[in-house]
Protein backbone atom coordinates (compact mmCIF):
# COMPACT_ATOMS: atom_id res chain seq x y z
CA MET A 1 11.86 -1.50 24.95
CA SER A 2 14.71 -3.82 26.99
CA ALA A 3 17.26 -3.32 28.93
CA THR A 4 20.03 -5.18 30.76
CA PRO A 5 21.50 -3.66 34.12
CA ASN A 6 23.50 -0.71 33.82
CA GLN A 7 22.92 -0.31 29.60
CA THR A 8 20.07 3.06 28.26
CA PRO A 9 16.72 1.02 27.77
CA VAL A 10 17.17 0.16 23.56
CA ALA A 11 13.45 0.48 21.47
CA HIS A 12 12.97 -2.67 19.64
CA PRO A 13 12.94 -2.25 15.48
CA GLU A 14 9.31 -1.85 15.94
CA ASP A 15 8.51 0.51 18.54
CA ARG A 16 11.21 3.17 17.00
CA ALA A 17 8.67 2.40 13.54
CA GLU A 18 6.08 3.86 15.46
CA MET A 19 8.23 6.98 16.94
CA THR A 20 9.32 8.07 13.12
CA THR A 21 7.51 9.87 11.34
CA PRO A 22 4.44 9.15 9.17
CA GLN A 23 5.02 8.58 6.04
CA LYS A 24 2.45 10.11 3.72
CA PRO A 25 0.35 7.41 1.83
CA LYS A 26 1.20 6.73 -1.83
CA ALA A 27 -1.40 6.21 -5.10
CA TYR A 28 -0.61 2.84 -6.95
CA GLN A 29 -1.83 0.45 -8.71
CA VAL A 30 -2.27 -2.82 -8.42
CA ASP A 31 -3.77 -6.19 -10.59
CA HIS A 32 -5.70 -9.20 -11.32
CA GLY A 33 -7.58 -11.07 -12.55
CA GLU A 34 -6.43 -12.86 -15.62
CA GLY A 35 -6.86 -12.48 -19.51
CA LEU A 36 -10.36 -10.81 -20.38
CA GLY A 37 -11.11 -10.47 -16.79
CA LYS A 38 -7.51 -8.47 -16.11
CA ARG A 39 -7.99 -5.38 -13.92
CA PHE A 40 -6.49 -2.83 -11.35
CA VAL A 41 -7.11 -0.45 -8.51
CA VAL A 42 -5.34 2.73 -7.63
CA VAL A 43 -5.20 2.13 -3.59
CA PHE A 44 -2.83 4.45 -2.14
CA ALA A 45 -0.82 2.96 1.20
CA VAL A 46 3.06 4.08 2.52
CA SER A 47 4.88 0.47 -0.26
CA GLY A 48 3.41 -2.44 -2.31
CA ALA A 49 3.27 -5.03 0.42
CA SER A 50 0.71 -2.81 2.48
CA ALA A 51 -1.10 -2.02 -1.27
CA ARG A 52 -1.38 -5.95 -2.24
CA ARG A 53 -2.42 -7.17 1.28
CA GLU A 54 -5.66 -3.98 0.69
CA VAL A 55 -6.02 -5.53 -2.51
CA ALA A 56 -6.19 -8.98 -1.17
CA SER A 57 -8.45 -7.88 1.33
CA MET A 58 -11.13 -5.31 0.24
CA LEU A 59 -11.29 -7.81 -3.33
CA ASP A 60 -11.27 -11.15 -0.93
CA LEU A 61 -8.14 -12.52 -2.26
CA THR A 62 -5.07 -14.57 -2.02
CA ARG A 63 -1.61 -12.78 -1.43
CA ASN A 64 -1.43 -15.25 -4.74
CA GLU A 65 -4.72 -14.00 -6.46
CA VAL A 66 -3.73 -10.43 -6.85
CA GLY A 67 -1.04 -9.41 -10.06
CA GLY A 68 1.78 -6.46 -10.35
CA CYS A 69 1.84 -4.04 -8.18
CA ARG A 70 3.48 -0.19 -9.20
CA ARG A 71 3.03 2.98 -8.65
CA ALA A 72 1.46 5.13 -9.54
CA PRO A 73 2.08 8.88 -8.63
CA GLU A 74 0.12 10.94 -11.23
CA PHE A 75 -2.40 9.25 -9.37
CA ASP A 76 -0.95 11.54 -6.03
CA LYS A 77 -2.74 14.72 -5.81
CA PHE A 78 -5.45 12.04 -5.65
CA ALA A 79 -4.57 10.93 -1.89
CA PRO A 80 -6.53 9.19 0.12
CA GLY A 81 -8.96 9.39 -2.56
CA PRO A 82 -10.38 7.80 -4.18
CA VAL A 83 -9.48 9.01 -7.96
CA PRO A 84 -12.23 9.94 -10.23
CA VAL A 85 -13.89 7.86 -11.90
CA GLY A 86 -12.97 10.39 -15.92
CA VAL A 87 -10.01 9.71 -14.17
CA LEU A 88 -9.67 5.95 -14.08
CA THR A 89 -11.37 5.33 -17.67
CA ALA A 90 -9.06 7.59 -19.18
CA ARG A 91 -5.96 5.58 -17.98
CA ALA A 92 -8.04 1.95 -19.04
């Protein structure tokens, strides 16, 4: 927090984010690979950006190697994971 004389301390934006109620992770489908090697991973995260970062880290990929990312609300009920293999294969 920062404050100047005679002022009330103000929380830094990053500090305020930590003070809020934690968001429940949601399911995201993140694509990776190209052509016949194109695949997807379902991860649980609080945002699409964090889902893409998690997949890149998990699979040792760069941000450019991770493809599209979209919400997959049909998998939210499996949070925090994993999604059963039978459910995933039915989707593919």
